[in-house]
């Protein structure tokens, strides 16, 4: 009422209201609301516990939905981040699902119920195999050890003819003792090898940013490289390091 053209958010909340009590935005529509997906178009998707005759342009999914599996965002009832990813696992490719999960991590989205909890709750839902495989890889199950990570990066340095850095180098910066994974002292450059299992916790996130701020203020530059980047795009990582080495930072930092 009061306007001729609805925004996307207006259409979403109208769709939820049109589907009756207990309906929430879900699947691709929820993914867009949480900014996990960038695709647009297609019908609006809604989930409710009981069947409902869907109005034109709306897809209604019938599925159990506990109170902790949904929330409200921008005033719109929507499946929580974890439940949204569980639903998306059934309809996205594995690569698309990985991107959505990565967006959730980058955006620091949290939920009252975890993905492992939902997998235990719904063990036979479509997409759970792919979801478990991605979670296992990201949690380091079968992934690289710290030494493996350093050895792979050292091999990358050698294969691309880059100057060899000092590994696990000690630094004293503005009264703080820091340890750099890979350090090129002449270029004032540090590469940190970030394992997700260590660097994804809120406490580690804050500490890493404090550390980067301290190093930047002292004239150092930091590049963070994840295992996935090193595995999937080694040439891109090497080229970025090469360019950074050609652009030395401050020559008279205050330590």
Protein backbone atom coordinates (compact mmCIF):
# COMPACT_ATOMS: atom_id res chain seq x y z
CA UNK A 1 0.00 0.00 0.00
CA UNK A 2 1.15 3.54 -0.67
CA UNK A 3 3.58 2.77 -3.51
CA UNK A 4 3.31 1.37 -7.02
CA UNK A 5 6.61 -0.54 -7.11
CA UNK A 6 7.87 -2.86 -4.40
CA UNK A 7 11.56 -3.31 -3.61
CA UNK A 8 13.05 -6.81 -3.59
CA UNK A 9 12.80 -6.84 0.19
CA UNK A 10 9.16 -5.77 -0.08
CA UNK A 11 8.39 -8.66 -2.41
CA UNK A 12 10.13 -11.08 -0.05
CA UNK A 13 8.12 -10.05 3.00
CA UNK A 14 4.92 -9.98 0.95
CA UNK A 15 5.62 -13.55 -0.19
CA UNK A 16 6.18 -14.70 3.38
CA UNK A 17 2.95 -13.05 4.53
CA UNK A 18 1.04 -14.58 1.60
CA UNK A 19 2.09 -18.07 2.71
CA UNK A 20 0.52 -17.86 6.13
CA UNK A 21 1.64 -18.26 9.72
CA UNK A 22 4.95 -20.04 10.23
CA UNK A 23 6.30 -19.30 6.74
CA UNK A 24 9.83 -17.96 6.34
CA UNK A 25 11.99 -16.94 3.40
CA UNK A 26 14.33 -19.80 2.43
CA UNK A 27 16.64 -21.45 -0.10
CA UNK A 28 17.91 -19.13 -2.88
CA UNK A 29 15.86 -16.19 -1.65
CA UNK A 30 17.31 -16.56 1.85
CA UNK A 31 20.77 -16.90 0.31
CA UNK A 32 20.30 -13.56 -1.40
CA UNK A 33 19.01 -11.90 1.76
CA UNK A 34 22.05 -13.14 3.71
CA UNK A 35 24.27 -12.03 0.77
CA UNK A 36 25.54 -15.57 0.26
CA UNK A 37 24.36 -15.63 -3.36
CA UNK A 38 24.61 -12.98 -6.04
CA UNK A 39 22.09 -14.42 -8.49
CA UNK A 40 18.82 -12.62 -9.09
CA UNK A 41 15.52 -13.52 -10.66
CA UNK A 42 13.53 -16.71 -10.33
CA UNK A 43 10.58 -17.39 -8.03
CA UNK A 44 10.65 -16.41 -4.38
CA UNK A 45 11.22 -19.44 -2.15
CA UNK A 46 9.52 -19.92 1.21
CA UNK A 47 9.51 -22.77 3.73
CA UNK A 48 6.74 -23.72 6.15
CA UNK A 49 6.07 -26.80 8.23
CA UNK A 50 2.79 -27.70 6.53
CA UNK A 51 1.67 -27.64 2.94
CA UNK A 52 0.25 -24.46 1.48
CA UNK A 53 -1.16 -23.58 -1.90
CA UNK A 54 1.52 -21.32 -3.29
CA UNK A 55 0.47 -18.05 -4.89
CA UNK A 56 1.81 -17.37 -8.39
CA UNK A 57 5.55 -16.65 -8.44
CA UNK A 58 6.26 -18.31 -5.08
CA UNK A 59 7.73 -21.78 -4.44
CA UNK A 60 6.71 -23.21 -1.07
CA UNK A 61 8.91 -25.93 0.47
CA UNK A 62 7.34 -28.19 3.06
CA UNK A 63 9.88 -29.03 5.77
CA UNK A 64 10.19 -29.19 9.56
CA UNK A 65 11.59 -25.95 10.95
CA UNK A 66 12.44 -25.52 14.64
CA UNK A 67 12.46 -22.11 16.30
CA UNK A 68 16.26 -21.98 16.38
CA UNK A 69 16.47 -22.59 12.62
CA UNK A 70 14.92 -19.28 11.60
CA UNK A 71 15.28 -15.66 12.56
CA UNK A 72 14.42 -12.19 11.22
CA UNK A 73 16.72 -10.05 9.10
CA UNK A 74 15.68 -6.55 8.09
CA UNK A 75 12.24 -7.40 9.43
CA UNK A 76 11.87 -10.45 7.16
CA UNK A 77 11.36 -13.93 8.67
CA UNK A 78 14.12 -16.06 7.13
CA UNK A 79 15.94 -19.32 7.71
CA UNK A 80 19.12 -18.83 9.75
CA UNK A 81 22.51 -18.91 8.08
CA UNK A 82 23.17 -22.57 8.90
CA UNK A 83 19.71 -23.74 7.83
CA UNK A 84 20.00 -21.66 4.65
CA UNK A 85 23.28 -23.38 3.77
CA UNK A 86 21.73 -26.77 4.53
CA UNK A 87 18.86 -26.00 2.14
CA UNK A 88 21.23 -24.65 -0.52
CA UNK A 89 23.32 -27.83 -0.34
CA UNK A 90 20.44 -29.69 -1.97
CA UNK A 91 20.16 -27.37 -4.99
CA UNK A 92 23.61 -25.90 -5.66
CA UNK A 93 26.68 -27.46 -7.20
CA UNK A 94 29.51 -28.23 -4.82
CA UNK A 95 31.49 -25.26 -6.15
CA UNK A 96 28.53 -22.91 -5.70
CA UNK A 97 28.00 -24.25 -2.18
CA UNK A 98 31.67 -23.67 -1.34
CA UNK A 99 31.34 -20.07 -2.51
CA UNK A 100 28.23 -19.54 -0.38
CA UNK A 101 29.96 -21.01 2.68
CA UNK A 102 33.00 -18.83 2.02
CA UNK A 103 30.77 -15.74 1.84
CA UNK A 104 29.27 -16.65 5.22
CA UNK A 105 32.77 -16.88 6.68
CA UNK A 106 33.97 -13.64 5.07
CA UNK A 107 30.86 -11.79 6.29
CA UNK A 108 31.41 -13.23 9.79
CA UNK A 109 27.83 -14.48 9.93
CA UNK A 110 26.92 -16.47 13.02
CA UNK A 111 23.96 -18.60 14.06
CA UNK A 112 22.55 -20.16 17.20
CA UNK A 113 22.70 -23.62 15.60
CA UNK A 114 25.74 -24.95 13.76
CA UNK A 115 25.95 -26.82 10.46
CA UNK A 116 27.28 -29.99 12.19
CA UNK A 117 24.26 -29.84 14.52
CA UNK A 118 21.91 -29.65 11.54
CA UNK A 119 23.70 -32.48 9.75
CA UNK A 120 23.16 -34.65 12.81
CA UNK A 121 19.53 -33.56 12.96
CA UNK A 122 18.88 -34.18 9.24
CA UNK A 123 21.37 -36.92 8.25
CA UNK A 124 19.61 -38.01 5.05
CA UNK A 125 18.69 -34.70 3.46
CA UNK A 126 19.86 -34.14 -0.13
CA UNK A 127 23.19 -32.34 -0.27
CA UNK A 128 24.48 -33.54 3.10
CA UNK A 129 27.27 -35.57 1.46
CA UNK A 130 28.70 -32.50 -0.27
CA UNK A 131 28.24 -30.40 2.85
CA UNK A 132 30.10 -32.91 5.02
CA UNK A 133 32.93 -33.12 2.49
CA UNK A 134 33.39 -29.34 2.47
CA UNK A 135 33.26 -29.09 6.25
CA UNK A 136 35.77 -31.91 6.65
CA UNK A 137 38.22 -30.23 4.28
CA UNK A 138 37.85 -26.83 5.96
CA UNK A 139 38.24 -28.21 9.45
CA UNK A 140 41.60 -29.65 8.49
CA UNK A 141 40.50 -33.30 8.48
CA UNK A 142 42.88 -34.69 5.93
CA UNK A 143 44.10 -31.17 5.18
CA UNK A 144 47.64 -29.84 5.48
CA UNK A 145 49.70 -29.67 8.64
CA UNK A 146 51.58 -26.47 9.39
CA UNK A 147 54.78 -28.08 8.09
CA UNK A 148 53.04 -29.26 4.91
CA UNK A 149 51.76 -25.73 4.34
CA UNK A 150 55.23 -24.22 4.75
CA UNK A 151 56.82 -26.87 2.55
CA UNK A 152 54.31 -26.25 -0.23
CA UNK A 153 54.88 -22.51 -0.04
CA UNK A 154 58.66 -23.03 -0.05
CA UNK A 155 58.26 -25.20 -3.16
CA UNK A 156 56.19 -22.45 -4.78
CA UNK A 157 58.94 -19.91 -4.06
CA UNK A 158 61.54 -22.17 -5.65
CA UNK A 159 59.46 -23.09 -8.70
CA UNK A 160 58.73 -19.44 -9.53
CA UNK A 161 62.26 -18.18 -8.92
CA UNK A 162 61.31 -15.94 -6.00
CA UNK A 163 63.87 -14.92 -3.37
CA UNK A 164 63.74 -17.37 -0.49
CA UNK A 165 62.26 -15.81 2.67
CA UNK A 166 63.14 -16.46 6.29
CA UNK A 167 60.63 -18.93 7.68
CA UNK A 168 59.28 -18.58 11.24
CA UNK A 169 61.29 -15.38 11.72
CA UNK A 170 61.20 -13.58 15.05
CA UNK A 171 60.44 -9.85 15.09
CA UNK A 172 60.30 -7.27 17.85
CA UNK A 173 57.92 -4.53 16.76
CA UNK A 174 56.96 -1.63 19.01
CA UNK A 175 57.65 -3.65 22.13
CA UNK A 176 55.86 -6.78 20.89
CA UNK A 177 57.42 -10.10 20.01
CA UNK A 178 55.94 -11.43 16.77
CA UNK A 179 56.68 -14.49 14.67
CA UNK A 180 56.39 -14.17 10.89
CA UNK A 181 55.67 -17.24 8.81
CA UNK A 182 57.66 -15.95 5.79
CA UNK A 183 59.70 -12.75 5.89
CA UNK A 184 61.62 -10.75 3.27
CA UNK A 185 63.42 -8.19 5.40
CA UNK A 186 64.77 -6.02 2.57
CA UNK A 187 61.31 -5.58 1.04
CA UNK A 188 59.62 -5.17 4.44
CA UNK A 189 57.23 -7.95 3.38
CA UNK A 190 55.63 -10.73 5.39
CA UNK A 191 53.50 -13.60 4.08
CA UNK A 192 51.26 -15.27 6.65
CA UNK A 193 50.06 -18.80 5.89
CA UNK A 194 46.53 -18.88 7.27
CA UNK A 195 45.05 -22.24 8.17
CA UNK A 196 41.28 -21.90 8.47
CA UNK A 197 40.97 -24.02 11.63
CA UNK A 198 43.22 -21.59 13.48
CA UNK A 199 42.39 -18.23 11.96
CA UNK A 200 38.60 -18.45 11.73
CA UNK A 201 37.82 -18.08 15.45
CA UNK A 202 36.63 -14.62 16.59
CA UNK A 203 39.56 -14.28 18.98
CA UNK A 204 42.11 -15.18 16.30
CA UNK A 205 40.40 -12.84 13.84
CA UNK A 206 40.80 -9.90 16.23
CA UNK A 207 44.39 -10.82 17.10
CA UNK A 208 45.39 -11.13 13.44
CA UNK A 209 44.01 -7.66 12.67
CA UNK A 210 45.76 -6.15 15.68
CA UNK A 211 48.99 -7.77 14.55
CA UNK A 212 48.57 -6.51 10.97
CA UNK A 213 47.87 -2.99 12.25
CA UNK A 214 51.01 -3.03 14.39
CA UNK A 215 53.16 -4.26 11.50
CA UNK A 216 51.71 -1.72 9.05
CA UNK A 217 52.34 1.13 11.47
CA UNK A 218 55.97 -0.03 11.70
CA UNK A 219 56.46 -0.07 7.93
CA UNK A 220 55.83 -3.74 7.17
CA UNK A 221 53.31 -5.13 4.68
CA UNK A 222 51.45 -8.39 5.21
CA UNK A 223 49.94 -10.74 2.62
CA UNK A 224 47.75 -13.55 3.93
CA UNK A 225 47.60 -16.77 1.91
CA UNK A 226 45.17 -19.61 2.64
CA UNK A 227 45.72 -23.27 1.84
CA UNK A 228 42.92 -23.19 -0.74
CA UNK A 229 44.52 -20.23 -2.53
CA UNK A 230 47.88 -21.96 -2.56
CA UNK A 231 46.30 -25.17 -3.85
CA UNK A 232 43.92 -23.70 -6.44
CA UNK A 233 45.79 -20.61 -7.66
CA UNK A 234 49.55 -21.06 -7.10
CA UNK A 235 50.50 -18.92 -10.10
CA UNK A 236 48.32 -16.06 -8.85
CA UNK A 237 49.83 -16.25 -5.37
CA UNK A 238 53.37 -16.27 -6.78
CA UNK A 239 52.68 -13.30 -9.05
CA UNK A 240 51.22 -11.25 -6.19
CA UNK A 241 54.26 -11.97 -4.03
CA UNK A 242 56.58 -11.09 -6.92
CA UNK A 243 54.84 -7.73 -7.43
CA UNK A 244 54.94 -7.00 -3.70
CA UNK A 245 58.68 -7.72 -3.61
CA UNK A 246 59.21 -5.17 -6.38
CA UNK A 247 57.52 -2.47 -4.32
CA UNK A 248 59.44 -2.21 -1.06
CA UNK A 249 57.71 -0.56 1.86
CA UNK A 250 59.03 2.16 4.11
CA UNK A 251 62.84 2.14 4.36
CA UNK A 252 63.05 3.67 7.82
CA UNK A 253 60.36 2.01 9.95
CA UNK A 254 60.22 2.60 13.65
CA UNK A 255 60.64 -0.68 15.52
